[in-house]
Amino acid sequence: MSVQHVAEGISPFLKELIEDTPKGERIMHCLQCGSCGGSCPNSADMDHTPRKLFAMIMANQRNEVLAANTQWCCVSCYLCTTRCPQEIPITDLMYALKRMAIAEGKSGGTNAPALAKTFTDLVDRYGRSYELGIAGLYHLLNRPVAMAKMGPMGLSMFAKGRMAILPTKIDKIDQLQAIINKARELSK
């Protein structure tokens, strides 16, 4: 079944989501069985389980869906996707919803986009995660008051050798940067 065939006669929001997600048309086959929410390690923290979110999408509740924290609670473990009897790419749909929410300035009351940007900026620069840099930059730029509360934990991690003061680059960082740049070019 083609995306265009499935997308006829549906809301613009659902159509956009389908077009922005590989195999996104599978959402039309959702049985509302709840396997996704039952499999999710973070469902208790979500405003709505994926099952409910899909029902909201079908009901064209764009603003409510994009303002929800559901997509931001997704940890990309793919348990929901692998357990879905209809083979719906749930995790990929969550990524599409994140992109839409960011584009429309709706991040569900979370700082997840800022944290993700801090992480990707550091990976772009060093090729790996750098805990002190992530925590420091993210909190300094987004939650400076909360940064002070993290001091004791940071000192404890440093004392136990669990956190480096300075970042280190991976070998052949230029190759990783070329891959990242090509991926960004292809996503435009």
N, C-alpha and C. Protein backbone atom coordinates (compact mmCIF):
# COMPACT_ATOMS: atom_id res chain seq x y z
N MET A 1 0.84 -1.17 0.00
CA MET A 1 0.00 0.00 0.00
C MET A 1 0.90 1.24 0.00
N SER A 2 0.68 2.15 -0.91
CA SER A 2 1.53 3.34 -1.02
C SER A 2 1.14 4.37 0.03
N VAL A 3 2.11 5.24 0.38
CA VAL A 3 1.84 6.31 1.33
C VAL A 3 0.75 7.22 0.79
N GLN A 4 0.80 7.52 -0.49
CA GLN A 4 -0.20 8.42 -1.07
C GLN A 4 -1.59 7.80 -0.99
N HIS A 5 -1.70 6.50 -1.26
CA HIS A 5 -2.99 5.83 -1.20
C HIS A 5 -3.56 5.86 0.22
N VAL A 6 -2.72 5.59 1.19
CA VAL A 6 -3.16 5.58 2.58
C VAL A 6 -3.50 6.99 3.04
N ALA A 7 -2.73 7.98 2.57
CA ALA A 7 -2.88 9.34 3.07
C ALA A 7 -4.09 10.09 2.53
N GLU A 8 -4.78 9.54 1.57
CA GLU A 8 -5.96 10.22 1.03
C GLU A 8 -7.08 10.20 2.06
N GLY A 9 -7.72 11.35 2.26
CA GLY A 9 -8.85 11.44 3.16
C GLY A 9 -8.51 11.47 4.64
N ILE A 10 -7.27 11.73 5.00
CA ILE A 10 -6.89 11.80 6.41
C ILE A 10 -6.48 13.23 6.74
N SER A 11 -6.34 13.51 8.03
CA SER A 11 -6.00 14.86 8.46
C SER A 11 -4.61 15.26 7.96
N PRO A 12 -4.40 16.56 7.78
CA PRO A 12 -3.07 17.03 7.37
C PRO A 12 -1.97 16.63 8.37
N PHE A 13 -2.30 16.61 9.65
CA PHE A 13 -1.32 16.23 10.68
C PHE A 13 -0.89 14.78 10.51
N LEU A 14 -1.84 13.89 10.37
CA LEU A 14 -1.52 12.48 10.18
C LEU A 14 -0.76 12.27 8.88
N LYS A 15 -1.19 12.95 7.84
CA LYS A 15 -0.51 12.83 6.54
C LYS A 15 0.95 13.28 6.66
N GLU A 16 1.17 14.40 7.33
CA GLU A 16 2.54 14.91 7.51
C GLU A 16 3.39 13.92 8.31
N LEU A 17 2.82 13.34 9.35
CA LEU A 17 3.54 12.37 10.16
C LEU A 17 3.89 11.13 9.35
N ILE A 18 2.96 10.66 8.55
CA ILE A 18 3.20 9.49 7.70
C ILE A 18 4.32 9.77 6.70
N GLU A 19 4.27 10.94 6.09
CA GLU A 19 5.28 11.30 5.08
C GLU A 19 6.66 11.52 5.68
N ASP A 20 6.71 11.87 6.96
CA ASP A 20 7.98 12.17 7.61
C ASP A 20 8.61 10.95 8.29
N THR A 21 7.95 9.79 8.19
CA THR A 21 8.42 8.60 8.88
C THR A 21 8.52 7.42 7.92
N PRO A 22 9.68 6.81 7.80
CA PRO A 22 9.76 5.59 6.97
C PRO A 22 8.76 4.55 7.49
N LYS A 23 7.97 4.01 6.59
CA LYS A 23 6.90 3.06 6.91
C LYS A 23 5.87 3.65 7.86
N GLY A 24 5.76 4.98 7.86
CA GLY A 24 4.83 5.67 8.74
C GLY A 24 3.38 5.32 8.49
N GLU A 25 3.06 4.85 7.27
CA GLU A 25 1.67 4.49 6.96
C GLU A 25 1.18 3.33 7.83
N ARG A 26 2.10 2.62 8.47
CA ARG A 26 1.72 1.51 9.35
C ARG A 26 0.89 1.99 10.53
N ILE A 27 1.00 3.27 10.88
CA ILE A 27 0.19 3.81 11.98
C ILE A 27 -1.30 3.61 11.73
N MET A 28 -1.68 3.55 10.46
CA MET A 28 -3.08 3.37 10.10
C MET A 28 -3.60 1.99 10.52
N HIS A 29 -2.69 1.09 10.85
CA HIS A 29 -3.07 -0.27 11.22
C HIS A 29 -3.08 -0.50 12.73
N CYS A 30 -2.92 0.58 13.50
CA CYS A 30 -2.88 0.46 14.96
C CYS A 30 -4.18 -0.16 15.47
N LEU A 31 -4.05 -1.21 16.27
CA LEU A 31 -5.19 -1.92 16.85
C LEU A 31 -5.58 -1.37 18.21
N GLN A 32 -4.80 -0.45 18.74
CA GLN A 32 -5.00 0.07 20.08
C GLN A 32 -4.89 -1.05 21.12
N CYS A 33 -3.95 -1.98 20.88
CA CYS A 33 -3.79 -3.13 21.77
C CYS A 33 -3.05 -2.79 23.06
N GLY A 34 -2.22 -1.73 23.05
CA GLY A 34 -1.49 -1.32 24.23
C GLY A 34 -0.14 -2.00 24.43
N SER A 35 0.28 -2.83 23.47
CA SER A 35 1.59 -3.49 23.60
C SER A 35 2.72 -2.48 23.71
N CYS A 36 2.58 -1.36 23.02
CA CYS A 36 3.63 -0.34 23.04
C CYS A 36 3.80 0.24 24.44
N GLY A 37 2.72 0.69 25.04
CA GLY A 37 2.81 1.27 26.37
C GLY A 37 3.19 0.24 27.42
N GLY A 38 2.72 -0.99 27.25
CA GLY A 38 3.05 -2.06 28.18
C GLY A 38 4.51 -2.46 28.10
N SER A 39 5.15 -2.23 26.96
CA SER A 39 6.55 -2.57 26.76
C SER A 39 7.49 -1.45 27.16
N CYS A 40 6.98 -0.24 27.24
CA CYS A 40 7.82 0.95 27.43
C CYS A 40 8.32 1.09 28.86
N PRO A 41 9.65 1.21 29.03
CA PRO A 41 10.19 1.39 30.37
C PRO A 41 9.87 2.77 30.96
N ASN A 42 9.46 3.71 30.12
CA ASN A 42 9.18 5.07 30.58
C ASN A 42 7.70 5.44 30.51
N SER A 43 6.83 4.50 30.26
CA SER A 43 5.42 4.86 30.07
C SER A 43 4.82 5.55 31.30
N ALA A 44 5.29 5.22 32.48
CA ALA A 44 4.76 5.86 33.69
C ALA A 44 5.06 7.35 33.75
N ASP A 45 6.10 7.77 33.05
CA ASP A 45 6.48 9.19 33.04
C ASP A 45 5.83 9.97 31.91
N MET A 46 5.13 9.28 31.02
CA MET A 46 4.55 9.92 29.84
C MET A 46 3.18 10.54 30.14
N ASP A 47 2.92 11.68 29.50
CA ASP A 47 1.59 12.27 29.57
C ASP A 47 0.56 11.30 29.00
N HIS A 48 0.93 10.66 27.90
CA HIS A 48 0.05 9.71 27.21
C HIS A 48 0.91 8.55 26.72
N THR A 49 0.39 7.33 26.80
CA THR A 49 1.12 6.19 26.24
C THR A 49 1.13 6.35 24.72
N PRO A 50 2.02 5.65 24.03
CA PRO A 50 2.00 5.73 22.57
C PRO A 50 0.63 5.37 21.98
N ARG A 51 -0.05 4.37 22.56
CA ARG A 51 -1.37 3.98 22.09
C ARG A 51 -2.34 5.16 22.13
N LYS A 52 -2.36 5.86 23.25
CA LYS A 52 -3.25 7.01 23.38
C LYS A 52 -2.81 8.14 22.45
N LEU A 53 -1.52 8.33 22.34
CA LEU A 53 -1.00 9.37 21.46
C LEU A 53 -1.43 9.12 20.01
N PHE A 54 -1.39 7.84 19.59
CA PHE A 54 -1.83 7.50 18.23
C PHE A 54 -3.31 7.79 18.05
N ALA A 55 -4.11 7.52 19.06
CA ALA A 55 -5.54 7.84 18.98
C ALA A 55 -5.74 9.35 18.87
N MET A 56 -4.92 10.11 19.58
CA MET A 56 -4.99 11.57 19.50
C MET A 56 -4.57 12.07 18.12
N ILE A 57 -3.58 11.41 17.55
CA ILE A 57 -3.13 11.77 16.20
C ILE A 57 -4.27 11.52 15.21
N MET A 58 -4.91 10.37 15.33
CA MET A 58 -6.03 10.03 14.45
C MET A 58 -7.18 11.03 14.61
N ALA A 59 -7.31 11.59 15.82
CA ALA A 59 -8.37 12.57 16.09
C ALA A 59 -7.93 13.99 15.75
N ASN A 60 -6.76 14.13 15.11
CA ASN A 60 -6.24 15.42 14.65
C ASN A 60 -5.97 16.40 15.80
N GLN A 61 -5.51 15.91 16.92
CA GLN A 61 -5.21 16.76 18.07
C GLN A 61 -3.74 17.18 18.05
N ARG A 62 -3.36 17.86 16.99
CA ARG A 62 -1.97 18.23 16.74
C ARG A 62 -1.33 18.97 17.92
N ASN A 63 -1.97 20.04 18.38
CA ASN A 63 -1.37 20.83 19.46
C ASN A 63 -1.15 20.02 20.72
N GLU A 64 -2.13 19.21 21.10
CA GLU A 64 -2.02 18.39 22.30
C GLU A 64 -0.91 17.35 22.15
N VAL A 65 -0.82 16.76 20.98
CA VAL A 65 0.20 15.73 20.73
C VAL A 65 1.59 16.35 20.78
N LEU A 66 1.80 17.45 20.08
CA LEU A 66 3.13 18.05 20.02
C LEU A 66 3.55 18.68 21.34
N ALA A 67 2.59 19.05 22.18
CA ALA A 67 2.91 19.62 23.49
C ALA A 67 3.13 18.55 24.55
N ALA A 68 2.77 17.30 24.25
CA ALA A 68 2.92 16.20 25.22
C ALA A 68 4.40 15.87 25.44
N ASN A 69 4.67 15.24 26.56
CA ASN A 69 6.06 14.84 26.84
C ASN A 69 6.36 13.43 26.33
N THR A 70 5.38 12.77 25.78
CA THR A 70 5.53 11.36 25.38
C THR A 70 6.75 11.13 24.51
N GLN A 71 6.86 11.87 23.42
CA GLN A 71 7.99 11.67 22.50
C GLN A 71 9.32 11.99 23.16
N TRP A 72 9.32 12.86 24.14
CA TRP A 72 10.57 13.23 24.83
C TRP A 72 10.96 12.18 25.86
N CYS A 73 9.99 11.42 26.35
CA CYS A 73 10.28 10.34 27.30
C CYS A 73 10.80 9.09 26.60
N CYS A 74 10.61 9.01 25.30
CA CYS A 74 11.06 7.84 24.54
C CYS A 74 12.58 7.76 24.60
N VAL A 75 13.08 6.58 25.03
CA VAL A 75 14.53 6.39 25.15
C VAL A 75 15.09 5.60 23.97
N SER A 76 14.30 5.41 22.94
CA SER A 76 14.73 4.75 21.71
C SER A 76 15.24 3.33 21.95
N CYS A 77 14.59 2.61 22.83
CA CYS A 77 15.00 1.22 23.09
C CYS A 77 14.38 0.26 22.08
N TYR A 78 13.38 0.71 21.36
CA TYR A 78 12.69 -0.05 20.31
C TYR A 78 11.90 -1.25 20.82
N LEU A 79 11.69 -1.37 22.14
CA LEU A 79 10.85 -2.47 22.64
C LEU A 79 9.44 -2.38 22.07
N CYS A 80 8.89 -1.18 22.03
CA CYS A 80 7.53 -1.00 21.51
C CYS A 80 7.46 -1.43 20.05
N THR A 81 8.45 -1.04 19.29
CA THR A 81 8.48 -1.34 17.85
C THR A 81 8.60 -2.85 17.61
N THR A 82 9.47 -3.50 18.36
CA THR A 82 9.66 -4.93 18.14
C THR A 82 8.47 -5.76 18.62
N ARG A 83 7.72 -5.23 19.57
CA ARG A 83 6.58 -5.99 20.11
C ARG A 83 5.25 -5.63 19.46
N CYS A 84 5.24 -4.65 18.60
CA CYS A 84 3.99 -4.23 17.95
C CYS A 84 3.51 -5.30 16.97
N PRO A 85 2.30 -5.83 17.16
CA PRO A 85 1.81 -6.87 16.24
C PRO A 85 1.53 -6.35 14.84
N GLN A 86 1.44 -5.04 14.68
CA GLN A 86 1.16 -4.44 13.37
C GLN A 86 2.42 -3.86 12.72
N GLU A 87 3.57 -4.07 13.35
CA GLU A 87 4.86 -3.61 12.82
C GLU A 87 4.89 -2.10 12.57
N ILE A 88 4.30 -1.36 13.48
CA ILE A 88 4.30 0.10 13.41
C ILE A 88 5.67 0.59 13.89
N PRO A 89 6.32 1.47 13.15
CA PRO A 89 7.63 1.99 13.56
C PRO A 89 7.48 3.07 14.64
N ILE A 90 7.08 2.64 15.82
CA ILE A 90 6.71 3.57 16.89
C ILE A 90 7.85 4.51 17.25
N THR A 91 9.05 3.97 17.43
CA THR A 91 10.19 4.81 17.80
C THR A 91 10.47 5.84 16.72
N ASP A 92 10.38 5.45 15.46
CA ASP A 92 10.60 6.40 14.36
C ASP A 92 9.51 7.47 14.33
N LEU A 93 8.28 7.08 14.66
CA LEU A 93 7.19 8.06 14.76
C LEU A 93 7.48 9.06 15.87
N MET A 94 8.06 8.58 16.98
CA MET A 94 8.40 9.48 18.09
C MET A 94 9.46 10.49 17.64
N TYR A 95 10.44 10.02 16.86
CA TYR A 95 11.44 10.96 16.33
C TYR A 95 10.79 12.01 15.42
N ALA A 96 9.86 11.59 14.60
CA ALA A 96 9.17 12.53 13.72
C ALA A 96 8.38 13.55 14.54
N LEU A 97 7.73 13.09 15.61
CA LEU A 97 6.99 14.01 16.47
C LEU A 97 7.93 14.99 17.17
N LYS A 98 9.12 14.52 17.55
CA LYS A 98 10.11 15.42 18.15
C LYS A 98 10.51 16.50 17.16
N ARG A 99 10.77 16.10 15.91
CA ARG A 99 11.15 17.09 14.89
C ARG A 99 10.05 18.11 14.68
N MET A 100 8.81 17.64 14.62
CA MET A 100 7.68 18.56 14.44
C MET A 100 7.56 19.51 15.63
N ALA A 101 7.69 18.97 16.84
CA ALA A 101 7.57 19.79 18.05
C ALA A 101 8.66 20.86 18.09
N ILE A 102 9.87 20.48 17.74
CA ILE A 102 10.98 21.44 17.72
C ILE A 102 10.70 22.53 16.68
N ALA A 103 10.27 22.12 15.49
CA ALA A 103 10.01 23.08 14.41
C ALA A 103 8.91 24.07 14.80
N GLU A 104 7.96 23.63 15.63
CA GLU A 104 6.85 24.49 16.02
C GLU A 104 7.03 25.10 17.41
N GLY A 105 8.20 24.89 18.00
CA GLY A 105 8.48 25.49 19.29
C GLY A 105 7.69 24.87 20.44
N LYS A 106 7.31 23.61 20.30
CA LYS A 106 6.55 22.92 21.35
C LYS A 106 7.37 21.73 21.81
N SER A 107 7.95 21.85 22.98
CA SER A 107 8.79 20.75 23.44
C SER A 107 8.23 20.08 24.69
N GLY A 108 6.93 20.14 24.87
CA GLY A 108 6.30 19.42 25.97
C GLY A 108 6.78 19.83 27.36
N GLY A 109 7.20 21.08 27.52
CA GLY A 109 7.66 21.54 28.82
C GLY A 109 8.95 20.90 29.26
N THR A 110 9.71 20.37 28.32
CA THR A 110 10.96 19.71 28.66
C THR A 110 12.14 20.45 28.05
N ASN A 111 13.29 20.23 28.61
CA ASN A 111 14.51 20.81 28.07
C ASN A 111 15.24 19.81 27.19
N ALA A 112 14.56 18.75 26.79
CA ALA A 112 15.19 17.70 25.99
C ALA A 112 15.82 18.22 24.70
N PRO A 113 15.17 19.14 23.95
CA PRO A 113 15.85 19.64 22.74
C PRO A 113 17.17 20.34 23.05
N ALA A 114 17.20 21.10 24.13
CA ALA A 114 18.44 21.79 24.50
C ALA A 114 19.51 20.80 24.93
N LEU A 115 19.12 19.77 25.66
CA LEU A 115 20.07 18.74 26.06
C LEU A 115 20.60 17.98 24.85
N ALA A 116 19.70 17.66 23.92
CA ALA A 116 20.12 16.96 22.70
C ALA A 116 21.08 17.81 21.89
N LYS A 117 20.81 19.11 21.80
CA LYS A 117 21.70 20.00 21.05
C LYS A 117 23.08 20.07 21.71
N THR A 118 23.11 20.18 23.02
CA THR A 118 24.39 20.20 23.73
C THR A 118 25.17 18.92 23.46
N PHE A 119 24.48 17.77 23.54
CA PHE A 119 25.11 16.48 23.28
C PHE A 119 25.67 16.41 21.86
N THR A 120 24.84 16.77 20.87
CA THR A 120 25.30 16.66 19.48
C THR A 120 26.42 17.64 19.17
N ASP A 121 26.38 18.82 19.77
CA ASP A 121 27.47 19.77 19.56
C ASP A 121 28.80 19.19 20.06
N LEU A 122 28.76 18.54 21.22
CA LEU A 122 29.99 17.95 21.76
C LEU A 122 30.45 16.75 20.94
N VAL A 123 29.51 15.93 20.47
CA VAL A 123 29.88 14.80 19.61
C VAL A 123 30.46 15.31 18.30
N ASP A 124 29.89 16.38 17.76
CA ASP A 124 30.45 16.97 16.54
C ASP A 124 31.90 17.40 16.77
N ARG A 125 32.16 17.97 17.92
CA ARG A 125 33.49 18.52 18.20
C ARG A 125 34.50 17.44 18.60
N TYR A 126 34.07 16.47 19.43
CA TYR A 126 35.02 15.51 19.99
C TYR A 126 34.80 14.06 19.53
N GLY A 127 33.63 13.78 18.96
CA GLY A 127 33.35 12.42 18.51
C GLY A 127 32.84 11.50 19.60
N ARG A 128 32.61 12.04 20.77
CA ARG A 128 32.12 11.24 21.90
C ARG A 128 31.46 12.14 22.92
N SER A 129 30.78 11.50 23.82
CA SER A 129 30.13 12.20 24.92
C SER A 129 31.19 12.68 25.91
N TYR A 130 30.94 13.78 26.50
CA TYR A 130 31.85 14.36 27.49
C TYR A 130 30.96 14.85 28.64
N GLU A 131 30.86 14.05 29.70
CA GLU A 131 29.89 14.27 30.76
C GLU A 131 29.96 15.65 31.39
N LEU A 132 31.15 16.09 31.76
CA LEU A 132 31.27 17.41 32.39
C LEU A 132 30.83 18.50 31.43
N GLY A 133 31.19 18.34 30.16
CA GLY A 133 30.78 19.31 29.16
C GLY A 133 29.28 19.33 28.95
N ILE A 134 28.67 18.15 28.87
CA ILE A 134 27.22 18.08 28.68
C ILE A 134 26.51 18.71 29.88
N ALA A 135 26.83 18.25 31.06
CA ALA A 135 26.16 18.76 32.26
C ALA A 135 26.44 20.24 32.44
N GLY A 136 27.70 20.63 32.28
CA GLY A 136 28.06 22.03 32.48
C GLY A 136 27.42 22.97 31.48
N LEU A 137 27.59 22.68 30.19
CA LEU A 137 27.02 23.56 29.16
C LEU A 137 25.50 23.60 29.21
N TYR A 138 24.91 22.43 29.32
CA TYR A 138 23.45 22.36 29.35
C TYR A 138 22.89 23.16 30.52
N HIS A 139 23.41 22.91 31.71
CA HIS A 139 22.88 23.60 32.88
C HIS A 139 23.23 25.08 32.88
N LEU A 140 24.41 25.43 32.45
CA LEU A 140 24.81 26.83 32.41
C LEU A 140 23.90 27.62 31.47
N LEU A 141 23.60 27.04 30.30
CA LEU A 141 22.80 27.75 29.31
C LEU A 141 21.29 27.64 29.53
N ASN A 142 20.84 26.60 30.23
CA ASN A 142 19.40 26.36 30.34
C ASN A 142 18.85 26.34 31.76
N ARG A 143 19.66 25.92 32.72
CA ARG A 143 19.19 25.77 34.09
C ARG A 143 20.30 26.13 35.06
N PRO A 144 20.74 27.38 35.07
CA PRO A 144 21.91 27.74 35.89
C PRO A 144 21.71 27.50 37.38
N VAL A 145 20.51 27.68 37.90
CA VAL A 145 20.27 27.45 39.33
C VAL A 145 20.44 25.98 39.67
N ALA A 146 19.95 25.11 38.79
CA ALA A 146 20.06 23.66 39.02
C ALA A 146 21.51 23.20 38.95
N MET A 147 22.35 23.97 38.28
CA MET A 147 23.76 23.59 38.14
C MET A 147 24.44 23.50 39.51
N ALA A 148 24.11 24.44 40.39
CA ALA A 148 24.72 24.45 41.72
C ALA A 148 24.37 23.18 42.50
N LYS A 149 23.16 22.67 42.30
CA LYS A 149 22.72 21.46 43.00
C LYS A 149 23.49 20.22 42.53
N MET A 150 24.06 20.29 41.34
CA MET A 150 24.77 19.14 40.79
C MET A 150 26.22 19.08 41.24
N GLY A 151 26.70 20.14 41.89
CA GLY A 151 28.09 20.21 42.32
C GLY A 151 28.56 19.02 43.14
N PRO A 152 27.85 18.65 44.21
CA PRO A 152 28.31 17.52 45.02
C PRO A 152 28.41 16.21 44.24
N MET A 153 27.43 15.95 43.38
CA MET A 153 27.47 14.72 42.59
C MET A 153 28.66 14.77 41.62
N GLY A 154 28.89 15.92 40.99
CA GLY A 154 30.01 16.06 40.07
C GLY A 154 31.34 15.84 40.76
N LEU A 155 31.50 16.40 41.95
CA LEU A 155 32.74 16.21 42.71
C LEU A 155 32.93 14.74 43.09
N SER A 156 31.86 14.09 43.48
CA SER A 156 31.94 12.68 43.83
C SER A 156 32.34 11.84 42.61
N MET A 157 31.75 12.14 41.45
CA MET A 157 32.10 11.39 40.23
C MET A 157 33.56 11.62 39.87
N PHE A 158 34.01 12.86 39.97
CA PHE A 158 35.41 13.18 39.67
C PHE A 158 36.35 12.45 40.63
N ALA A 159 36.03 12.46 41.92
CA ALA A 159 36.87 11.82 42.93
C ALA A 159 36.98 10.31 42.70
N LYS A 160 35.95 9.72 42.15
CA LYS A 160 35.95 8.28 41.89
C LYS A 160 36.47 7.94 40.50
N GLY A 161 36.96 8.95 39.78
CA GLY A 161 37.50 8.71 38.44
C GLY A 161 36.44 8.41 37.40
N ARG A 162 35.22 8.83 37.65
CA ARG A 162 34.11 8.54 36.74
C ARG A 162 33.81 9.71 35.80
N MET A 163 34.56 10.82 35.94
CA MET A 163 34.31 11.97 35.08
C MET A 163 35.62 12.70 34.82
N ALA A 164 35.91 12.91 33.56
CA ALA A 164 37.13 13.62 33.17
C ALA A 164 36.89 15.14 33.20
N ILE A 165 37.94 15.87 33.52
CA ILE A 165 37.82 17.33 33.51
C ILE A 165 37.89 17.87 32.09
N LEU A 166 38.75 17.28 31.27
CA LEU A 166 38.93 17.74 29.90
C LEU A 166 38.42 16.69 28.91
N PRO A 167 37.85 17.13 27.80
CA PRO A 167 37.39 16.18 26.78
C PRO A 167 38.56 15.63 25.97
N THR A 168 38.35 14.48 25.39
CA THR A 168 39.34 13.92 24.48
C THR A 168 38.64 13.61 23.16
N LYS A 169 39.36 13.84 22.07
CA LYS A 169 38.81 13.56 20.75
C LYS A 169 39.08 12.11 20.37
N ILE A 170 38.18 11.56 19.57
CA ILE A 170 38.41 10.22 19.04
C ILE A 170 39.44 10.31 17.93
N ASP A 171 40.06 9.19 17.62
CA ASP A 171 40.98 9.14 16.49
C ASP A 171 40.18 9.35 15.21
N LYS A 172 40.77 10.02 14.25
CA LYS A 172 40.16 10.25 12.94
C LYS A 172 38.81 10.95 13.03
N ILE A 173 38.76 11.99 13.86
CA ILE A 173 37.53 12.77 14.06
C ILE A 173 37.03 13.35 12.74
N ASP A 174 37.96 13.64 11.82
CA ASP A 174 37.57 14.21 10.53
C ASP A 174 36.66 13.25 9.75
N GLN A 175 36.87 11.94 9.90
CA GLN A 175 36.02 10.98 9.21
C GLN A 175 34.60 10.99 9.79
N LEU A 176 34.49 11.05 11.09
CA LEU A 176 33.17 11.12 11.72
C LEU A 176 32.47 12.42 11.32
N GLN A 177 33.20 13.53 11.33
CA GLN A 177 32.60 14.80 10.96
C GLN A 177 32.12 14.79 9.51
N ALA A 178 32.83 14.12 8.63
CA ALA A 178 32.39 14.00 7.24
C ALA A 178 31.09 13.21 7.15
N ILE A 179 30.96 12.15 7.93
CA ILE A 179 29.73 11.35 7.96
C ILE A 179 28.57 12.18 8.48
N ILE A 180 28.80 12.89 9.57
CA ILE A 180 27.75 13.73 10.16
C ILE A 180 27.32 14.81 9.18
N ASN A 181 28.28 15.46 8.53
CA ASN A 181 27.95 16.52 7.56
C ASN A 181 27.15 15.96 6.39
N LYS A 182 27.51 14.77 5.92
CA LYS A 182 26.77 14.15 4.81
C LYS A 182 25.36 13.81 5.25
N ALA A 183 25.18 13.29 6.46
CA ALA A 183 23.85 12.98 6.97
C ALA A 183 22.99 14.25 7.07
N ARG A 184 23.59 15.33 7.51
CA ARG A 184 22.85 16.61 7.61
C ARG A 184 22.47 17.10 6.21
N GLU A 185 23.38 16.95 5.28
CA GLU A 185 23.12 17.36 3.90
C GLU A 185 21.95 16.55 3.30
N LEU A 186 21.94 15.26 3.56
CA LEU A 186 20.89 14.39 3.01
C LEU A 186 19.54 14.63 3.68
N SER A 187 19.55 15.13 4.92
CA SER A 187 18.28 15.33 5.63
C SER A 187 17.59 16.64 5.26
N LYS A 188 18.26 17.46 4.48
CA LYS A 188 17.66 18.76 4.09
C LYS A 188 16.66 18.59 2.98
